[in-house]
Amino acid sequence: MSRRSADTWRDPTRAELAAIEREWPAIAADLAALDAEIAAILTADTPAAAGVLPLTARPTGWREAA
């Protein structure tokens, strides 16, 4: 991993790049799981998107403006 301090910058070493390559499948799997969790949360927060309510449904007690 590149390291940066106030006055220096260096590129990652071959060993660091190899470690990233070895870790990448686990990182990708974690990202996919996170994407699925976000999609589930968004679906739960959007009943119409989940097919729970039709898009024209109104909340209980809805009144038209006078």
C-alpha atoms as a PDB file:
ATOM      1  CA  MET A   1       0.000   0.000   0.000  1.00  0.00           C
ATOM      2  CA  SER A   2       1.337   3.440  -0.825  1.00  0.00           C
ATOM      3  CA  ARG A   3       2.385   5.398   2.175  1.00  0.00           C
ATOM      4  CA  ARG A   4       2.298   9.147   2.352  1.00  0.00           C
ATOM      5  CA  SER A   5       3.783  11.393   4.953  1.00  0.00           C
ATOM      6  CA  ALA A   6       4.334  15.110   5.051  1.00  0.00           C
ATOM      7  CA  ASP A   7       7.356  14.991   2.751  1.00  0.00           C
ATOM      8  CA  THR A   8       7.580  11.540   1.159  1.00  0.00           C
ATOM      9  CA  TRP A   9       5.577   9.306  -1.122  1.00  0.00           C
ATOM     10  CA  ARG A  10       6.410   5.844  -2.311  1.00  0.00           C
ATOM     11  CA  ASP A  11       4.768   3.327  -4.559  1.00  0.00           C
ATOM     12  CA  PRO A  12       3.745  -0.041  -3.141  1.00  0.00           C
ATOM     13  CA  THR A  13       6.347  -2.769  -3.135  1.00  0.00           C
ATOM     14  CA  ARG A  14       5.918  -5.972  -5.121  1.00  0.00           C
ATOM     15  CA  ALA A  15       5.169  -7.783  -1.863  1.00  0.00           C
ATOM     16  CA  GLU A  16       2.469  -5.243  -0.981  1.00  0.00           C
ATOM     17  CA  LEU A  17       0.921  -5.527  -4.442  1.00  0.00           C
ATOM     18  CA  ALA A  18       0.963  -9.324  -4.165  1.00  0.00           C
ATOM     19  CA  ALA A  19      -0.778  -9.097  -0.775  1.00  0.00           C
ATOM     20  CA  ILE A  20      -3.484  -6.894  -2.293  1.00  0.00           C
ATOM     21  CA  GLU A  21      -3.960  -9.390  -5.134  1.00  0.00           C
ATOM     22  CA  ARG A  22      -4.311 -12.248  -2.623  1.00  0.00           C
ATOM     23  CA  GLU A  23      -6.850 -10.273  -0.575  1.00  0.00           C
ATOM     24  CA  TRP A  24      -8.888  -9.040  -3.541  1.00  0.00           C
ATOM     25  CA  PRO A  25     -11.337 -12.001  -3.758  1.00  0.00           C
ATOM     26  CA  ALA A  26     -12.294 -11.506  -0.094  1.00  0.00           C
ATOM     27  CA  ILE A  27     -12.627  -7.741  -0.611  1.00  0.00           C
ATOM     28  CA  ALA A  28     -14.853  -8.291  -3.660  1.00  0.00           C
ATOM     29  CA  ALA A  29     -17.026 -10.749  -1.714  1.00  0.00           C
ATOM     30  CA  ASP A  30     -17.382  -8.254   1.148  1.00  0.00           C
ATOM     31  CA  LEU A  31     -18.397  -5.539  -1.302  1.00  0.00           C
ATOM     32  CA  ALA A  32     -20.980  -7.823  -2.923  1.00  0.00           C
ATOM     33  CA  ALA A  33     -22.444  -8.663   0.503  1.00  0.00           C
ATOM     34  CA  LEU A  34     -22.562  -4.967   1.380  1.00  0.00           C
ATOM     35  CA  ASP A  35     -24.324  -4.196  -1.921  1.00  0.00           C
ATOM     36  CA  ALA A  36     -26.924  -6.875  -1.122  1.00  0.00           C
ATOM     37  CA  GLU A  37     -27.483  -5.455   2.366  1.00  0.00           C
ATOM     38  CA  ILE A  38     -27.918  -1.938   0.978  1.00  0.00           C
ATOM     39  CA  ALA A  39     -30.388  -3.206  -1.629  1.00  0.00           C
ATOM     40  CA  ALA A  40     -32.377  -4.989   1.098  1.00  0.00           C
ATOM     41  CA  ILE A  41     -32.480  -1.841   3.239  1.00  0.00           C
ATOM     42  CA  LEU A  42     -33.559   0.296   0.312  1.00  0.00           C
ATOM     43  CA  THR A  43     -36.251  -2.204  -0.625  1.00  0.00           C
ATOM     44  CA  ALA A  44     -37.517  -2.303   2.965  1.00  0.00           C
ATOM     45  CA  ASP A  45     -37.629   1.500   3.047  1.00  0.00           C
ATOM     46  CA  THR A  46     -39.511   1.657  -0.263  1.00  0.00           C
ATOM     47  CA  PRO A  47     -42.662  -0.477   0.039  1.00  0.00           C
ATOM     48  CA  ALA A  48     -43.770   0.237  -3.538  1.00  0.00           C
ATOM     49  CA  ALA A  49     -40.423  -1.010  -4.853  1.00  0.00           C
ATOM     50  CA  ALA A  50     -40.868  -4.179  -2.830  1.00  0.00           C
ATOM     51  CA  GLY A  51     -44.348  -4.719  -4.284  1.00  0.00           C
ATOM     52  CA  VAL A  52     -45.972  -4.177  -0.883  1.00  0.00           C
ATOM     53  CA  LEU A  53     -47.940  -1.096  -1.934  1.00  0.00           C
ATOM     54  CA  PRO A  54     -49.043  -0.032  -5.372  1.00  0.00           C
ATOM     55  CA  LEU A  55     -47.468   3.202  -6.525  1.00  0.00           C
ATOM     56  CA  THR A  56     -50.859   4.936  -6.210  1.00  0.00           C
ATOM     57  CA  ALA A  57     -51.418   3.879  -2.587  1.00  0.00           C
ATOM     58  CA  ARG A  58     -51.940   6.620  -0.049  1.00  0.00           C
ATOM     59  CA  PRO A  59     -51.171   6.501   3.655  1.00  0.00           C
ATOM     60  CA  THR A  60     -54.044   5.674   6.030  1.00  0.00           C
ATOM     61  CA  GLY A  61     -56.010   8.787   6.865  1.00  0.00           C
ATOM     62  CA  TRP A  62     -55.051  10.561   3.632  1.00  0.00           C
ATOM     63  CA  ARG A  63     -57.250  13.533   2.796  1.00  0.00           C
ATOM     64  CA  GLU A  64     -57.397  15.450  -0.426  1.00  0.00           C
ATOM     65  CA  ALA A  65     -56.500  19.132  -0.162  1.00  0.00           C
ATOM     66  CA  ALA A  66     -59.608  21.292   0.122  1.00  0.00           C
END
